[in-house]
Amino acid sequence: MAICENKQSLLKFQVKNSRLLGLDVGEKTIGLALSDTRLMIASPMETLRRKKWSEDSQKLLKLMKEQDVFGLIIGLPLNMDGSEGPRCQSIRQLAENILKLTDAPICFWDERLSTAAVTRTLLDADMSRKRRSEVVDKMAAAYILQGFLDSGA
């Protein structure tokens, strides 16, 4: 498929009862979140510990098949001024690698401050440091995916 520029171009690929998968890609983990089939609600799913690309990609493809995922929303770590740095290039390369394995369309979503917002929420909930570290990545993925779902763009 392709990298989609906006929500409308990505939604053209939706098939009945399919979902979107949100990714918060870090150096050590990939947080995953799943939409409902009506594309209204994002729910945190799991956090994958990154290993070799071959292992990570197989887990991702298996999950996409099991959950009827038609497209991916990948958080793009823009700088605070909106420019792209080295981390954005890494994310774009990951997306290109995914496109070599699946025909699912991909859309990038600005993830600035997503982890900070989620961490603040977890702190407000008085969650322990250990528990926060276990859930922050999948919660950030849900934050990114929900932002996309709520957008008009």
C-alpha atoms as a PDB file:
ATOM      1  CA  MET A   1       0.000   0.000   0.000  1.00  0.00           C
ATOM      2  CA  ALA A   2       1.372   3.358   0.918  1.00  0.00           C
ATOM      3  CA  ILE A   3       1.972   6.089   3.393  1.00  0.00           C
ATOM      4  CA  CYS A   4      -1.258   8.086   3.643  1.00  0.00           C
ATOM      5  CA  GLU A   5      -1.122  11.829   4.084  1.00  0.00           C
ATOM      6  CA  ASN A   6      -4.344  12.189   6.069  1.00  0.00           C
ATOM      7  CA  LYS A   7      -7.232  10.419   7.733  1.00  0.00           C
ATOM      8  CA  GLN A   8      -9.512  10.500   4.678  1.00  0.00           C
ATOM      9  CA  SER A   9      -6.938   8.850   2.421  1.00  0.00           C
ATOM     10  CA  LEU A  10      -6.331   6.094   4.993  1.00  0.00           C
ATOM     11  CA  LEU A  11     -10.036   5.436   5.623  1.00  0.00           C
ATOM     12  CA  LYS A  12     -10.555   4.601   1.934  1.00  0.00           C
ATOM     13  CA  PHE A  13      -8.868   1.274   2.704  1.00  0.00           C
ATOM     14  CA  GLN A  14     -11.154   0.281   5.565  1.00  0.00           C
ATOM     15  CA  VAL A  15     -13.134  -2.909   5.163  1.00  0.00           C
ATOM     16  CA  LYS A  16     -16.153  -3.817   7.270  1.00  0.00           C
ATOM     17  CA  ASN A  17     -15.376  -4.684  10.921  1.00  0.00           C
ATOM     18  CA  SER A  18     -11.679  -3.877  10.578  1.00  0.00           C
ATOM     19  CA  ARG A  19      -9.571  -1.840  12.978  1.00  0.00           C
ATOM     20  CA  LEU A  20      -6.603   0.458  13.235  1.00  0.00           C
ATOM     21  CA  LEU A  21      -3.471  -0.320  15.200  1.00  0.00           C
ATOM     22  CA  GLY A  22      -1.602   2.527  16.891  1.00  0.00           C
ATOM     23  CA  LEU A  23       2.136   2.296  17.497  1.00  0.00           C
ATOM     24  CA  ASP A  24       4.326   4.240  19.884  1.00  0.00           C
ATOM     25  CA  VAL A  25       7.776   3.187  18.740  1.00  0.00           C
ATOM     26  CA  GLY A  26      10.668   3.511  21.152  1.00  0.00           C
ATOM     27  CA  GLU A  27      14.218   2.237  21.052  1.00  0.00           C
ATOM     28  CA  LYS A  28      13.480  -0.676  23.414  1.00  0.00           C
ATOM     29  CA  THR A  29       9.712  -1.140  23.131  1.00  0.00           C
ATOM     30  CA  ILE A  30       6.741  -0.664  20.826  1.00  0.00           C
ATOM     31  CA  GLY A  31       3.515   0.323  22.552  1.00  0.00           C
ATOM     32  CA  LEU A  32       0.408  -0.968  20.787  1.00  0.00           C
ATOM     33  CA  ALA A  33      -3.195   0.230  20.892  1.00  0.00           C
ATOM     34  CA  LEU A  34      -6.224  -1.025  19.008  1.00  0.00           C
ATOM     35  CA  SER A  35      -9.302   0.827  17.781  1.00  0.00           C
ATOM     36  CA  ASP A  36     -12.818  -0.537  17.900  1.00  0.00           C
ATOM     37  CA  THR A  37     -14.381  -1.470  14.553  1.00  0.00           C
ATOM     38  CA  ARG A  38     -16.316   1.821  14.414  1.00  0.00           C
ATOM     39  CA  LEU A  39     -13.024   3.727  14.718  1.00  0.00           C
ATOM     40  CA  MET A  40     -14.244   5.701  17.719  1.00  0.00           C
ATOM     41  CA  ILE A  41     -12.246   4.398  20.697  1.00  0.00           C
ATOM     42  CA  ALA A  42      -8.566   3.509  21.105  1.00  0.00           C
ATOM     43  CA  SER A  43      -7.669   0.967  23.770  1.00  0.00           C
ATOM     44  CA  PRO A  44      -4.182   0.182  25.052  1.00  0.00           C
ATOM     45  CA  MET A  45      -3.240  -3.326  23.997  1.00  0.00           C
ATOM     46  CA  GLU A  46       0.287  -4.416  24.847  1.00  0.00           C
ATOM     47  CA  THR A  47       3.927  -3.450  24.832  1.00  0.00           C
ATOM     48  CA  LEU A  48       6.343  -5.393  22.669  1.00  0.00           C
ATOM     49  CA  ARG A  49       9.941  -5.618  23.841  1.00  0.00           C
ATOM     50  CA  ARG A  50      11.987  -4.955  20.731  1.00  0.00           C
ATOM     51  CA  LYS A  51      14.335  -7.692  19.598  1.00  0.00           C
ATOM     52  CA  LYS A  52      15.429  -8.427  16.047  1.00  0.00           C
ATOM     53  CA  TRP A  53      13.364  -6.850  13.265  1.00  0.00           C
ATOM     54  CA  SER A  54      12.435 -10.302  11.936  1.00  0.00           C
ATOM     55  CA  GLU A  55      10.902 -11.259  15.305  1.00  0.00           C
ATOM     56  CA  ASP A  56       9.244  -7.889  15.894  1.00  0.00           C
ATOM     57  CA  SER A  57       7.722  -7.801  12.408  1.00  0.00           C
ATOM     58  CA  GLN A  58       6.333 -11.342  12.689  1.00  0.00           C
ATOM     59  CA  LYS A  59       4.656 -10.488  16.020  1.00  0.00           C
ATOM     60  CA  LEU A  60       3.211  -7.334  14.489  1.00  0.00           C
ATOM     61  CA  LEU A  61       1.901  -9.114  11.373  1.00  0.00           C
ATOM     62  CA  LYS A  62       0.378 -11.922  13.459  1.00  0.00           C
ATOM     63  CA  LEU A  63      -1.373  -9.422  15.700  1.00  0.00           C
ATOM     64  CA  MET A  64      -2.667  -7.466  12.696  1.00  0.00           C
ATOM     65  CA  LYS A  65      -4.159 -10.609  11.210  1.00  0.00           C
ATOM     66  CA  GLU A  66      -5.715 -11.776  14.498  1.00  0.00           C
ATOM     67  CA  GLN A  67      -7.310  -8.376  15.156  1.00  0.00           C
ATOM     68  CA  ASP A  68      -8.440  -7.608  11.571  1.00  0.00           C
ATOM     69  CA  VAL A  69      -6.230  -4.521  11.337  1.00  0.00           C
ATOM     70  CA  PHE A  70      -6.478  -2.671   8.026  1.00  0.00           C
ATOM     71  CA  GLY A  71      -4.097   0.191   8.777  1.00  0.00           C
ATOM     72  CA  LEU A  72      -1.430   1.526  11.117  1.00  0.00           C
ATOM     73  CA  ILE A  73      -1.113   4.850  12.891  1.00  0.00           C
ATOM     74  CA  ILE A  74       2.492   5.410  13.874  1.00  0.00           C
ATOM     75  CA  GLY A  75       3.540   8.150  16.251  1.00  0.00           C
ATOM     76  CA  LEU A  76       6.038  10.546  14.653  1.00  0.00           C
ATOM     77  CA  PRO A  77       8.365  12.145  17.245  1.00  0.00           C
ATOM     78  CA  LEU A  78       8.594  15.666  15.860  1.00  0.00           C
ATOM     79  CA  ASN A  79      10.745  18.260  17.583  1.00  0.00           C
ATOM     80  CA  MET A  80       8.871  20.887  19.595  1.00  0.00           C
ATOM     81  CA  ASP A  81       9.238  23.366  16.710  1.00  0.00           C
ATOM     82  CA  GLY A  82       7.595  20.868  14.340  1.00  0.00           C
ATOM     83  CA  SER A  83      10.793  19.915  12.528  1.00  0.00           C
ATOM     84  CA  GLU A  84      11.975  16.353  12.023  1.00  0.00           C
ATOM     85  CA  GLY A  85      15.086  14.999  13.666  1.00  0.00           C
ATOM     86  CA  PRO A  86      16.954  11.688  13.527  1.00  0.00           C
ATOM     87  CA  ARG A  87      14.204   9.829  15.446  1.00  0.00           C
ATOM     88  CA  CYS A  88      11.678  10.725  12.731  1.00  0.00           C
ATOM     89  CA  GLN A  89      13.968   9.220  10.091  1.00  0.00           C
ATOM     90  CA  SER A  90      14.178   6.043  12.166  1.00  0.00           C
ATOM     91  CA  ILE A  91      10.362   5.862  12.392  1.00  0.00           C
ATOM     92  CA  ARG A  92       9.969   6.513   8.665  1.00  0.00           C
ATOM     93  CA  GLN A  93      12.446   3.699   7.938  1.00  0.00           C
ATOM     94  CA  LEU A  94      10.480   1.357  10.215  1.00  0.00           C
ATOM     95  CA  ALA A  95       7.324   2.237   8.259  1.00  0.00           C
ATOM     96  CA  GLU A  96       9.089   1.464   4.964  1.00  0.00           C
ATOM     97  CA  ASN A  97      10.164  -1.896   6.403  1.00  0.00           C
ATOM     98  CA  ILE A  98       6.570  -2.648   7.431  1.00  0.00           C
ATOM     99  CA  LEU A  99       5.327  -1.765   3.939  1.00  0.00           C
ATOM    100  CA  LYS A 100       7.654  -4.409   2.491  1.00  0.00           C
ATOM    101  CA  LEU A 101       5.736  -7.040   4.496  1.00  0.00           C
ATOM    102  CA  THR A 102       2.091  -5.949   4.346  1.00  0.00           C
ATOM    103  CA  ASP A 103      -0.270  -3.971   2.148  1.00  0.00           C
ATOM    104  CA  ALA A 104      -1.784  -2.147   5.149  1.00  0.00           C
ATOM    105  CA  PRO A 105      -1.700   1.638   4.710  1.00  0.00           C
ATOM    106  CA  ILE A 106       0.221   3.711   7.244  1.00  0.00           C
ATOM    107  CA  CYS A 107      -0.445   7.206   8.525  1.00  0.00           C
ATOM    108  CA  PHE A 108       1.937   9.129  10.789  1.00  0.00           C
ATOM    109  CA  TRP A 109       0.583  11.113  13.726  1.00  0.00           C
ATOM    110  CA  ASP A 110       2.351  13.838  15.709  1.00  0.00           C
ATOM    111  CA  GLU A 111       3.245  12.279  19.036  1.00  0.00           C
ATOM    112  CA  ARG A 112       4.798  15.313  20.711  1.00  0.00           C
ATOM    113  CA  LEU A 113       4.173  15.209  24.454  1.00  0.00           C
ATOM    114  CA  SER A 114       2.149  11.966  24.287  1.00  0.00           C
ATOM    115  CA  THR A 115       4.367  10.123  26.772  1.00  0.00           C
ATOM    116  CA  ALA A 116       4.490  13.183  29.033  1.00  0.00           C
ATOM    117  CA  ALA A 117       0.687  13.499  29.000  1.00  0.00           C
ATOM    118  CA  VAL A 118       0.213   9.826  29.759  1.00  0.00           C
ATOM    119  CA  THR A 119       2.839   9.863  32.512  1.00  0.00           C
ATOM    120  CA  ARG A 120       1.131  12.860  34.125  1.00  0.00           C
ATOM    121  CA  THR A 121      -2.197  11.004  34.059  1.00  0.00           C
ATOM    122  CA  LEU A 122      -0.612   7.922  35.617  1.00  0.00           C
ATOM    123  CA  LEU A 123       1.038  10.059  38.305  1.00  0.00           C
ATOM    124  CA  ASP A 124      -2.307  11.684  39.045  1.00  0.00           C
ATOM    125  CA  ALA A 125      -3.720   8.167  39.456  1.00  0.00           C
ATOM    126  CA  ASP A 126      -0.979   7.552  42.054  1.00  0.00           C
ATOM    127  CA  MET A 127       0.411   4.629  40.077  1.00  0.00           C
ATOM    128  CA  SER A 128       3.755   3.211  41.231  1.00  0.00           C
ATOM    129  CA  ARG A 129       6.892   3.805  39.170  1.00  0.00           C
ATOM    130  CA  LYS A 130       7.114   0.084  38.350  1.00  0.00           C
ATOM    131  CA  ARG A 131       3.500  -0.096  37.170  1.00  0.00           C
ATOM    132  CA  ARG A 132       3.886   3.151  35.162  1.00  0.00           C
ATOM    133  CA  SER A 133       6.873   1.693  33.315  1.00  0.00           C
ATOM    134  CA  GLU A 134       4.796  -1.379  32.458  1.00  0.00           C
ATOM    135  CA  VAL A 135       1.891   0.548  30.909  1.00  0.00           C
ATOM    136  CA  VAL A 136       3.222   3.903  29.669  1.00  0.00           C
ATOM    137  CA  ASP A 137       4.111   2.729  26.134  1.00  0.00           C
ATOM    138  CA  LYS A 138       0.770   1.095  25.357  1.00  0.00           C
ATOM    139  CA  MET A 139      -1.042   4.052  26.956  1.00  0.00           C
ATOM    140  CA  ALA A 140       0.989   6.439  24.770  1.00  0.00           C
ATOM    141  CA  ALA A 141       0.021   4.354  21.718  1.00  0.00           C
ATOM    142  CA  ALA A 142      -3.645   4.700  22.726  1.00  0.00           C
ATOM    143  CA  TYR A 143      -3.156   8.467  23.179  1.00  0.00           C
ATOM    144  CA  ILE A 144      -1.667   8.713  19.657  1.00  0.00           C
ATOM    145  CA  LEU A 145      -4.380   6.540  18.099  1.00  0.00           C
ATOM    146  CA  GLN A 146      -7.179   8.382  19.899  1.00  0.00           C
ATOM    147  CA  GLY A 147      -5.789  11.704  18.651  1.00  0.00           C
ATOM    148  CA  PHE A 148      -5.960  10.365  15.108  1.00  0.00           C
ATOM    149  CA  LEU A 149      -9.474   8.967  15.574  1.00  0.00           C
ATOM    150  CA  ASP A 150     -10.729  12.268  17.041  1.00  0.00           C
ATOM    151  CA  SER A 151      -9.173  14.394  14.310  1.00  0.00           C
ATOM    152  CA  GLY A 152     -11.033  15.768  11.365  1.00  0.00           C
ATOM    153  CA  ALA A 153      -7.834  15.776   9.309  1.00  0.00           C
END
